[in-house]
Amino acid sequence: MTEATLTIERIGARGDGVARHEGKPIFLPFTVPGDVVRARIGRDGEAKLIALLSPSARQVPPCPHFGVCGGCSLQHLPDPAYAEAKRGFVRAALAHRGLDDALVAPIERVPPATRRRARLAITRSAIGFHERASHRIVDLEACPVLDPALFTVAMRLRSLALEAISSLTLADTGIDLVLELRDTPNLGALERLAKFAHDQDLARLSWRTKGELPTPIVQRRPVQMNFSGIIADIPPDCFLQATKESETKIRDLVLVGVGDARTVADLYAGVGTFSFALAKNAKVYAVDRDAAAIAALGRAGAEISTEVRNLEKRPLLKHELDNFDAVTFDPPYAGAPAQAREMARSTVKRIVAVSCNPASFGRDARTLVDGGYRLVRVVPVDQFLWSAEIELVAHFVRQ
């Protein structure tokens, strides 16, 4: 190992400060651009901070767990540097694929304490998120990103004294809690969990073992969301955008992107976050591999055609896509390479992409541009506050 004095140049895609040593990038967590540091560098490029020799401007992190919890690694960045870093993640992904990074707009913000979904680990001694690069659990005392109602129920899970993974969703009608357990609970455990649901006024509580579908223990009232004026019942552990505020921003950007399209294919539609809004002015065909989500969408009463279909294995083909004026797609983290190839062959006039991964989006965007589409606009939406993750919405038009 060698020691070197380094200057942090930028924030990398994982939230670490990035310096260069002998032409190679060196990653140092919890540093900021402009920091001059002393670091110990291994042969594999791994580095450890020894001393902060000349600190650049930074702010006091709002969370007491900063530096230990693996969640919010950017809390120390002053606001201008934070905003530029988040926008920079998207710009770098586009530039890497030879796309115009100047098309990336400033980030759209959401306030703290609005996160409505959380996945927390529970042990008999702690409840919280994992430490950075560790299986250890941070025993939370506070969380400035979670909605207070969600955080309160999460902390009360301590009283159950069990080993589990908890997935909490704040729906419009209350909290939906799914516990992933190691073993099937016995009658006594089920009764204790039902009492917990009553005491905490949960809308629904379910359990599952790893890889299985959730089994409801008690549902005290419908678990519902209002999507653009349509009330939809949602299944346990249903995917939603991270905050209500970001959902509204993303939905509005999707509507701008499709313009006056009269027929729209909404791919990876989930429970209809965008489908219901699109259906106010267009005929919508909603597709997703999640049968429970599509069933919930279909029951909501809007005039939307639906299909359960694995778009990774069986994407909509060119001749199917050519029936639509516009396509929206919001794929998982890995993106939609197969579907992007088919869209690139199609005659669809407008495409709107929603993505939580700039890298996979950059790959899929390159496919569309190579197929004759023009990337018009990319808007980052900062719904993963203080983390190195960023959502984005992109508009494409057929040239």
Protein backbone atom coordinates (compact mmCIF):
# COMPACT_ATOMS: atom_id res chain seq x y z
CA MET A 1 0.00 0.00 0.00
CA THR A 2 1.08 3.56 -0.66
CA GLU A 3 0.10 6.90 0.84
CA ALA A 4 -0.74 9.92 -1.27
CA THR A 5 -2.15 13.42 -0.97
CA LEU A 6 -5.24 13.70 -3.19
CA THR A 7 -7.78 16.34 -4.21
CA ILE A 8 -11.40 15.29 -4.53
CA GLU A 9 -12.62 16.31 -7.99
CA ARG A 10 -16.25 15.18 -8.10
CA ILE A 11 -18.89 12.90 -6.63
CA GLY A 12 -19.09 9.46 -8.25
CA ALA A 13 -22.22 7.53 -9.15
CA ARG A 14 -22.23 5.69 -5.79
CA GLY A 15 -21.92 8.90 -3.79
CA ASP A 16 -18.21 8.69 -3.00
CA GLY A 17 -15.75 11.50 -3.61
CA VAL A 18 -13.51 10.76 -6.60
CA ALA A 19 -9.82 11.72 -6.88
CA ARG A 20 -7.16 10.51 -9.29
CA HIS A 21 -3.84 8.83 -8.51
CA GLU A 22 -1.43 7.77 -11.23
CA GLY A 23 -4.20 8.16 -13.78
CA LYS A 24 -6.69 5.94 -11.94
CA PRO A 25 -9.86 6.96 -10.06
CA ILE A 26 -9.75 6.68 -6.28
CA PHE A 27 -13.02 6.57 -4.34
CA LEU A 28 -13.29 8.00 -0.84
CA PRO A 29 -16.67 8.07 0.95
CA PHE A 30 -18.02 11.13 2.77
CA THR A 31 -15.69 13.58 1.05
CA VAL A 32 -16.70 16.58 -1.07
CA PRO A 33 -15.25 18.21 -4.18
CA GLY A 34 -12.31 20.42 -3.24
CA ASP A 35 -11.26 18.37 -0.21
CA VAL A 36 -7.51 17.78 0.04
CA VAL A 37 -6.95 14.46 1.80
CA ARG A 38 -4.25 12.00 2.77
CA ALA A 39 -5.20 8.46 1.79
CA ARG A 40 -3.75 4.98 1.89
CA ILE A 41 -4.14 3.27 -1.49
CA GLY A 42 -4.02 -0.48 -2.07
CA ARG A 43 -2.85 -2.24 -5.21
CA ASP A 44 -6.44 -2.86 -6.28
CA GLY A 45 -7.25 0.84 -6.06
CA GLU A 46 -9.08 0.51 -2.75
CA ALA A 47 -8.41 3.55 -0.59
CA LYS A 48 -8.80 4.52 3.04
CA LEU A 49 -8.94 8.07 4.29
CA ILE A 50 -6.14 8.88 6.74
CA ALA A 51 -6.60 12.60 7.23
CA LEU A 52 -8.62 15.52 5.89
CA LEU A 53 -5.85 18.04 5.25
CA SER A 54 -7.85 20.91 3.78
CA PRO A 55 -11.64 20.55 3.92
CA SER A 56 -13.89 22.14 1.34
CA ALA A 57 -17.32 23.57 2.16
CA ARG A 58 -19.77 21.08 3.65
CA GLN A 59 -22.93 21.15 5.74
CA VAL A 60 -23.91 19.49 8.98
CA PRO A 61 -25.71 16.22 8.10
CA PRO A 62 -29.33 16.27 9.31
CA CYS A 63 -29.28 12.60 10.39
CA PRO A 64 -27.44 11.33 13.51
CA HIS A 65 -26.65 8.07 11.70
CA PHE A 66 -24.76 9.73 8.84
CA GLY A 67 -21.46 8.00 8.13
CA VAL A 68 -22.66 4.67 9.53
CA CYS A 69 -26.00 4.01 7.84
CA GLY A 70 -25.58 2.97 4.22
CA GLY A 71 -28.59 4.94 3.05
CA CYS A 72 -28.03 8.68 2.70
CA SER A 73 -24.40 9.23 1.73
CA LEU A 74 -24.73 12.81 0.43
CA GLN A 75 -26.09 14.64 3.48
CA HIS A 76 -22.80 16.48 4.01
CA LEU A 77 -22.83 18.18 0.61
CA PRO A 78 -23.82 21.86 0.56
CA ASP A 79 -26.91 22.43 -1.54
CA PRO A 80 -25.32 23.70 -4.77
CA ALA A 81 -22.80 20.83 -4.79
CA TYR A 82 -25.56 18.35 -3.95
CA ALA A 83 -27.79 19.50 -6.80
CA GLU A 84 -24.91 19.45 -9.27
CA ALA A 85 -23.83 15.96 -8.14
CA LYS A 86 -27.33 14.55 -8.63
CA ARG A 87 -27.67 16.15 -12.06
CA GLY A 88 -24.14 14.99 -12.80
CA PHE A 89 -25.05 11.32 -12.32
CA VAL A 90 -27.50 11.60 -15.22
CA ARG A 91 -25.20 13.73 -17.38
CA ALA A 92 -22.34 11.26 -16.94
CA ALA A 93 -24.55 8.31 -17.94
CA LEU A 94 -25.61 10.09 -21.14
CA ALA A 95 -22.10 11.23 -21.99
CA HIS A 96 -20.81 7.68 -21.50
CA ARG A 97 -23.17 6.60 -24.31
CA GLY A 98 -22.28 9.50 -26.58
CA LEU A 99 -25.55 11.33 -25.93
CA ASP A 100 -26.00 15.07 -25.39
CA ASP A 101 -25.71 15.64 -21.63
CA ALA A 102 -26.69 19.30 -22.07
CA LEU A 103 -30.29 18.07 -22.44
CA VAL A 104 -30.39 17.24 -18.72
CA ALA A 105 -32.51 19.79 -16.82
CA PRO A 106 -31.87 20.90 -13.22
CA ILE A 107 -33.17 18.43 -10.65
CA GLU A 108 -36.77 18.54 -9.46
CA ARG A 109 -36.86 18.42 -5.65
CA VAL A 110 -39.08 16.75 -3.07
CA PRO A 111 -39.09 17.69 0.63
CA PRO A 112 -37.67 15.53 3.44
CA ALA A 113 -39.88 13.35 5.64
CA THR A 114 -42.08 12.32 2.70
CA ARG A 115 -40.77 8.85 1.81
CA ARG A 116 -43.74 6.49 1.83
CA ARG A 117 -42.00 3.16 1.31
CA ALA A 118 -39.31 1.53 3.42
CA ARG A 119 -37.68 -1.88 3.69
CA LEU A 120 -36.14 -2.35 7.14
CA ALA A 121 -34.34 -5.25 8.76
CA ILE A 122 -35.50 -6.32 12.21
CA THR A 123 -33.38 -8.25 14.70
CA ARG A 124 -33.95 -8.82 18.41
CA SER A 125 -31.52 -5.98 19.17
CA ALA A 126 -32.01 -3.49 16.33
CA ILE A 127 -34.29 -2.23 13.58
CA GLY A 128 -33.08 -0.18 10.66
CA PHE A 129 -31.06 -0.13 7.46
CA HIS A 130 -27.75 -1.88 6.83
CA GLU A 131 -24.49 -0.18 7.61
CA ARG A 132 -22.38 0.84 4.65
CA ALA A 133 -20.82 -2.26 3.00
CA SER A 134 -21.93 -4.46 5.91
CA HIS A 135 -24.62 -6.89 7.02
CA ARG A 136 -24.82 -5.13 10.39
CA ILE A 137 -28.01 -3.22 11.11
CA VAL A 138 -28.06 0.41 12.22
CA ASP A 139 -30.46 0.66 15.15
CA LEU A 140 -32.38 3.74 14.08
CA GLU A 141 -33.13 6.63 16.42
CA ALA A 142 -34.27 8.98 13.66
CA CYS A 143 -34.74 9.07 9.90
CA PRO A 144 -35.21 12.46 8.23
CA VAL A 145 -36.37 10.97 4.90
CA LEU A 146 -39.24 8.74 6.09
CA ASP A 147 -42.75 10.03 6.57
CA PRO A 148 -43.19 10.38 10.37
CA ALA A 149 -46.21 8.03 10.41
CA LEU A 150 -44.17 5.33 8.70
CA PHE A 151 -41.20 5.85 11.01
CA THR A 152 -43.38 5.66 14.13
CA VAL A 153 -44.84 2.28 13.17
CA ALA A 154 -41.42 1.00 12.13
CA MET A 155 -39.97 1.79 15.56
CA ARG A 156 -42.90 0.08 17.29
CA LEU A 157 -42.02 -3.14 15.49
CA ARG A 158 -39.36 -3.54 18.20
CA SER A 159 -42.11 -4.73 20.53
CA LEU A 160 -42.59 -7.86 18.41
CA ALA A 161 -39.05 -9.08 19.21
CA LEU A 162 -38.70 -11.07 15.99
CA GLU A 163 -36.23 -11.60 13.15
CA ALA A 164 -37.69 -10.34 9.88
CA ILE A 165 -37.55 -7.99 6.96
CA SER A 166 -40.33 -5.43 7.07
CA SER A 167 -41.74 -3.70 4.01
CA LEU A 168 -43.88 -0.72 4.90
CA THR A 169 -46.01 1.26 2.46
CA LEU A 170 -48.00 4.35 3.38
CA ALA A 171 -51.13 4.13 1.22
CA ASP A 172 -53.83 6.79 1.16
CA THR A 173 -55.92 4.71 3.56
CA GLY A 174 -53.16 3.75 5.99
CA ILE A 175 -50.05 1.64 6.38
CA ASP A 176 -49.63 -1.68 4.59
CA LEU A 177 -47.05 -3.86 6.38
CA VAL A 178 -45.51 -7.06 5.00
CA LEU A 179 -43.19 -9.12 7.22
CA GLU A 180 -40.75 -11.52 5.56
CA LEU A 181 -40.19 -14.29 8.13
CA ARG A 182 -37.78 -17.20 8.24
CA ASP A 183 -40.52 -19.71 9.04
CA THR A 184 -44.29 -20.00 8.85
CA PRO A 185 -45.76 -18.32 11.96
CA ASN A 186 -47.76 -20.46 14.38
CA LEU A 187 -51.21 -19.55 15.68
CA GLY A 188 -49.82 -17.67 18.68
CA ALA A 189 -47.56 -15.56 16.45
CA LEU A 190 -50.43 -14.78 14.10
CA GLU A 191 -52.60 -13.63 17.00
CA ARG A 192 -49.79 -11.40 18.28
CA LEU A 193 -49.32 -9.87 14.85
CA ALA A 194 -53.06 -9.28 14.45
CA LYS A 195 -53.08 -7.47 17.80
CA PHE A 196 -50.13 -5.34 16.65
CA ALA A 197 -52.05 -4.38 13.50
CA HIS A 198 -55.03 -3.34 15.64
CA ASP A 199 -52.94 -1.41 18.18
CA GLN A 200 -51.07 0.49 15.43
CA ASP A 201 -54.16 1.07 13.29
CA LEU A 202 -52.59 -0.64 10.27
CA ALA A 203 -54.71 -0.94 7.15
CA ARG A 204 -53.29 -4.41 6.46
CA LEU A 205 -50.62 -6.75 7.80
CA SER A 206 -49.29 -9.73 5.81
CA TRP A 207 -46.49 -12.25 6.12
CA ARG A 208 -44.42 -14.28 3.70
CA THR A 209 -41.30 -16.39 3.62
CA LYS A 210 -38.56 -15.54 1.13
CA GLY A 211 -39.69 -15.86 -2.48
CA GLU A 212 -43.36 -16.40 -1.62
CA LEU A 213 -46.35 -14.13 -2.22
CA PRO A 214 -47.66 -12.25 0.85
CA THR A 215 -50.42 -13.86 2.90
CA PRO A 216 -52.68 -11.33 4.70
CA ILE A 217 -53.11 -11.85 8.44
CA VAL A 218 -55.60 -9.04 8.89
CA GLN A 219 -57.02 -6.33 6.66
CA ARG A 220 -58.84 -3.73 8.69
CA ARG A 221 -59.88 -1.55 5.76
CA PRO A 222 -59.23 -1.34 2.01
CA VAL A 223 -55.64 -0.46 1.07
CA GLN A 224 -56.18 2.15 -1.61
CA MET A 225 -54.46 4.85 -3.65
CA ASN A 226 -55.94 7.74 -5.56
CA PHE A 227 -54.31 7.83 -9.00
CA SER A 228 -55.46 10.91 -10.95
CA GLY A 229 -58.94 10.72 -9.42
CA ILE A 230 -59.32 6.93 -9.74
CA ILE A 231 -59.40 4.93 -6.50
CA ALA A 232 -57.47 1.67 -6.83
CA ASP A 233 -57.10 -1.18 -4.34
CA ILE A 234 -53.43 -2.14 -4.22
CA PRO A 235 -51.94 -5.57 -3.44
CA PRO A 236 -49.54 -6.16 -0.50
CA ASP A 237 -46.04 -4.71 -0.95
CA CYS A 238 -47.14 -2.95 -4.12
CA PHE A 239 -44.60 -0.82 -5.99
CA LEU A 240 -45.23 2.92 -5.73
CA GLN A 241 -43.03 5.90 -6.50
CA ALA A 242 -41.03 6.79 -3.40
CA THR A 243 -43.06 9.89 -2.47
CA LYS A 244 -46.46 11.31 -3.38
CA GLU A 245 -44.77 14.55 -4.46
CA SER A 246 -42.41 12.80 -6.85
CA GLU A 247 -45.25 10.70 -8.26
CA THR A 248 -47.06 13.91 -9.20
CA LYS A 249 -43.96 15.43 -10.81
CA ILE A 250 -43.18 12.26 -12.77
CA ARG A 251 -46.80 11.78 -13.88
CA ASP A 252 -47.00 15.37 -15.15
CA LEU A 253 -43.74 14.96 -17.08
CA VAL A 254 -45.09 11.74 -18.62
CA LEU A 255 -48.24 13.55 -19.76
CA VAL A 256 -46.18 16.33 -21.35
CA GLY A 257 -44.08 13.72 -23.14
CA VAL A 258 -47.00 11.89 -24.75
CA GLY A 259 -48.59 15.16 -25.84
CA ASP A 260 -51.82 14.73 -27.81
CA ALA A 261 -51.38 10.99 -28.44
CA ARG A 262 -54.71 9.22 -28.77
CA THR A 263 -53.39 5.69 -28.22
CA VAL A 264 -50.74 4.91 -25.62
CA ALA A 265 -48.99 1.71 -24.53
CA ASP A 266 -48.03 2.00 -20.84
CA LEU A 267 -45.30 -0.61 -20.36
CA TYR A 268 -44.23 -1.78 -16.89
CA ALA A 269 -47.47 -0.12 -15.79
CA GLY A 270 -47.71 -1.61 -12.29
CA VAL A 271 -51.00 -0.64 -10.62
CA GLY A 272 -51.58 2.25 -13.03
CA THR A 273 -49.61 5.18 -11.61
CA PHE A 274 -49.52 6.73 -15.11
CA SER A 275 -52.22 4.66 -16.83
CA PHE A 276 -55.16 6.39 -15.16
CA ALA A 277 -53.85 9.86 -15.99
CA LEU A 278 -53.12 8.87 -19.58
CA ALA A 279 -56.59 7.35 -19.96
CA LYS A 280 -58.27 10.74 -19.48
CA ASN A 281 -57.28 11.69 -23.04
CA ALA A 282 -56.20 8.47 -24.76
CA LYS A 283 -56.92 4.79 -25.17
CA VAL A 284 -54.42 3.03 -22.92
CA TYR A 285 -52.97 -0.47 -23.08
CA ALA A 286 -51.27 -1.27 -19.73
CA VAL A 287 -48.75 -4.13 -19.53
CA ASP A 288 -46.82 -5.56 -16.59
CA ARG A 289 -45.51 -8.94 -15.43
CA ASP A 290 -47.06 -8.49 -11.96
CA ALA A 291 -50.42 -10.24 -12.19
CA ALA A 292 -51.66 -8.84 -8.86
CA ALA A 293 -50.84 -5.26 -9.90
CA ILE A 294 -52.54 -5.64 -13.29
CA ALA A 295 -55.58 -7.21 -11.65
CA ALA A 296 -55.82 -4.25 -9.26
CA LEU A 297 -55.54 -1.85 -12.19
CA GLY A 298 -58.28 -3.68 -14.06
CA ARG A 299 -60.64 -3.62 -11.06
CA ALA A 300 -60.36 0.16 -10.63
CA GLY A 301 -63.06 0.85 -13.20
CA ALA A 302 -61.21 2.91 -15.80
CA GLU A 303 -61.49 1.94 -19.47
CA ILE A 304 -57.98 0.57 -19.83
CA SER A 305 -56.96 -2.58 -21.70
CA THR A 306 -54.50 -4.72 -19.74
CA GLU A 307 -52.15 -7.65 -20.22
CA VAL A 308 -49.94 -9.67 -17.88
CA ARG A 309 -46.70 -10.11 -19.79
CA ASN A 310 -43.00 -10.43 -19.00
CA LEU A 311 -41.54 -7.71 -21.17
CA GLU A 312 -37.96 -8.84 -20.56
CA LYS A 313 -38.68 -12.23 -22.10
CA ARG A 314 -41.51 -11.24 -24.42
CA PRO A 315 -41.38 -7.54 -25.33
CA LEU A 316 -44.04 -5.91 -27.43
CA LEU A 317 -42.88 -6.38 -31.01
CA LYS A 318 -42.64 -3.79 -33.76
CA HIS A 319 -45.96 -4.72 -35.36
CA GLU A 320 -47.70 -4.41 -31.98
CA LEU A 321 -46.04 -1.11 -31.10
CA ASP A 322 -46.91 0.42 -34.47
CA ASN A 323 -50.55 0.54 -33.34
CA PHE A 324 -49.78 3.29 -30.81
CA ASP A 325 -49.11 7.01 -31.07
CA ALA A 326 -46.97 6.96 -27.91
CA VAL A 327 -45.29 4.53 -25.53
CA THR A 328 -44.32 5.05 -21.91
CA PHE A 329 -42.03 2.63 -20.09
CA ASP A 330 -40.88 2.51 -16.47
CA PRO A 331 -38.74 -0.64 -16.18
CA PRO A 332 -36.92 -2.11 -13.18
CA TYR A 333 -33.37 -1.07 -12.26
CA ALA A 334 -31.81 -3.20 -15.01
CA GLY A 335 -33.72 -1.29 -17.68
CA ALA A 336 -35.44 -2.66 -20.76
CA PRO A 337 -32.87 -3.71 -23.38
CA ALA A 338 -35.14 -6.13 -25.27
CA GLN A 339 -38.08 -3.75 -25.27
CA ALA A 340 -35.88 -0.81 -26.30
CA ARG A 341 -34.68 -2.75 -29.35
CA GLU A 342 -38.26 -3.34 -30.48
CA MET A 343 -39.23 0.28 -29.85
CA ALA A 344 -36.24 1.40 -31.91
CA ARG A 345 -37.65 -0.57 -34.87
CA SER A 346 -41.17 0.83 -34.48
CA THR A 347 -42.95 3.83 -35.98
CA VAL A 348 -44.22 5.15 -32.62
CA LYS A 349 -44.08 8.95 -32.71
CA ARG A 350 -43.34 9.64 -29.04
CA ILE A 351 -41.66 7.63 -26.30
CA VAL A 352 -41.41 8.57 -22.62
CA ALA A 353 -38.90 6.75 -20.43
CA VAL A 354 -39.00 6.72 -16.62
CA SER A 355 -35.95 5.25 -14.91
CA CYS A 356 -34.34 4.92 -11.49
CA ASN A 357 -30.97 3.95 -12.99
CA PRO A 358 -29.14 6.46 -15.23
CA ALA A 359 -26.72 3.77 -16.44
CA SER A 360 -29.36 1.37 -17.79
CA PHE A 361 -31.33 4.34 -19.12
CA GLY A 362 -28.27 5.54 -21.01
CA ARG A 363 -27.93 2.13 -22.68
CA ASP A 364 -31.62 2.02 -23.66
CA ALA A 365 -31.58 5.65 -24.80
CA ARG A 366 -28.63 4.90 -27.07
CA THR A 367 -30.64 2.07 -28.63
CA LEU A 368 -33.58 4.39 -29.31
CA VAL A 369 -31.39 7.15 -30.75
CA ASP A 370 -29.59 4.66 -33.00
CA GLY A 371 -33.03 3.55 -34.20
CA GLY A 372 -33.95 7.05 -35.34
CA TYR A 373 -35.38 8.72 -32.24
CA ARG A 374 -34.29 12.13 -31.00
CA LEU A 375 -33.75 12.62 -27.29
CA VAL A 376 -35.52 15.89 -26.50
CA ARG A 377 -35.37 16.33 -22.75
CA VAL A 378 -34.25 14.58 -19.56
CA VAL A 379 -35.54 15.72 -16.16
CA PRO A 380 -33.99 14.27 -12.97
CA VAL A 381 -36.44 13.92 -10.07
CA ASP A 382 -34.77 13.72 -6.67
CA GLN A 383 -37.18 11.38 -4.91
CA PHE A 384 -34.34 9.45 -3.20
CA LEU A 385 -33.27 12.33 -1.01
CA TRP A 386 -29.60 12.48 0.06
CA SER A 387 -28.81 9.14 -1.56
CA ALA A 388 -26.76 8.48 -4.69
CA GLU A 389 -29.91 7.34 -6.50
CA ILE A 390 -31.86 9.54 -8.88
CA GLU A 391 -35.08 9.10 -10.86
CA LEU A 392 -35.46 10.59 -14.34
CA VAL A 393 -38.04 11.19 -17.03
CA ALA A 394 -36.95 11.43 -20.68
CA HIS A 395 -38.83 12.42 -23.83
CA PHE A 396 -38.05 10.98 -27.28
CA VAL A 397 -39.62 11.80 -30.65
CA ARG A 398 -39.37 9.90 -33.94
CA GLN A 399 -37.29 11.90 -36.42
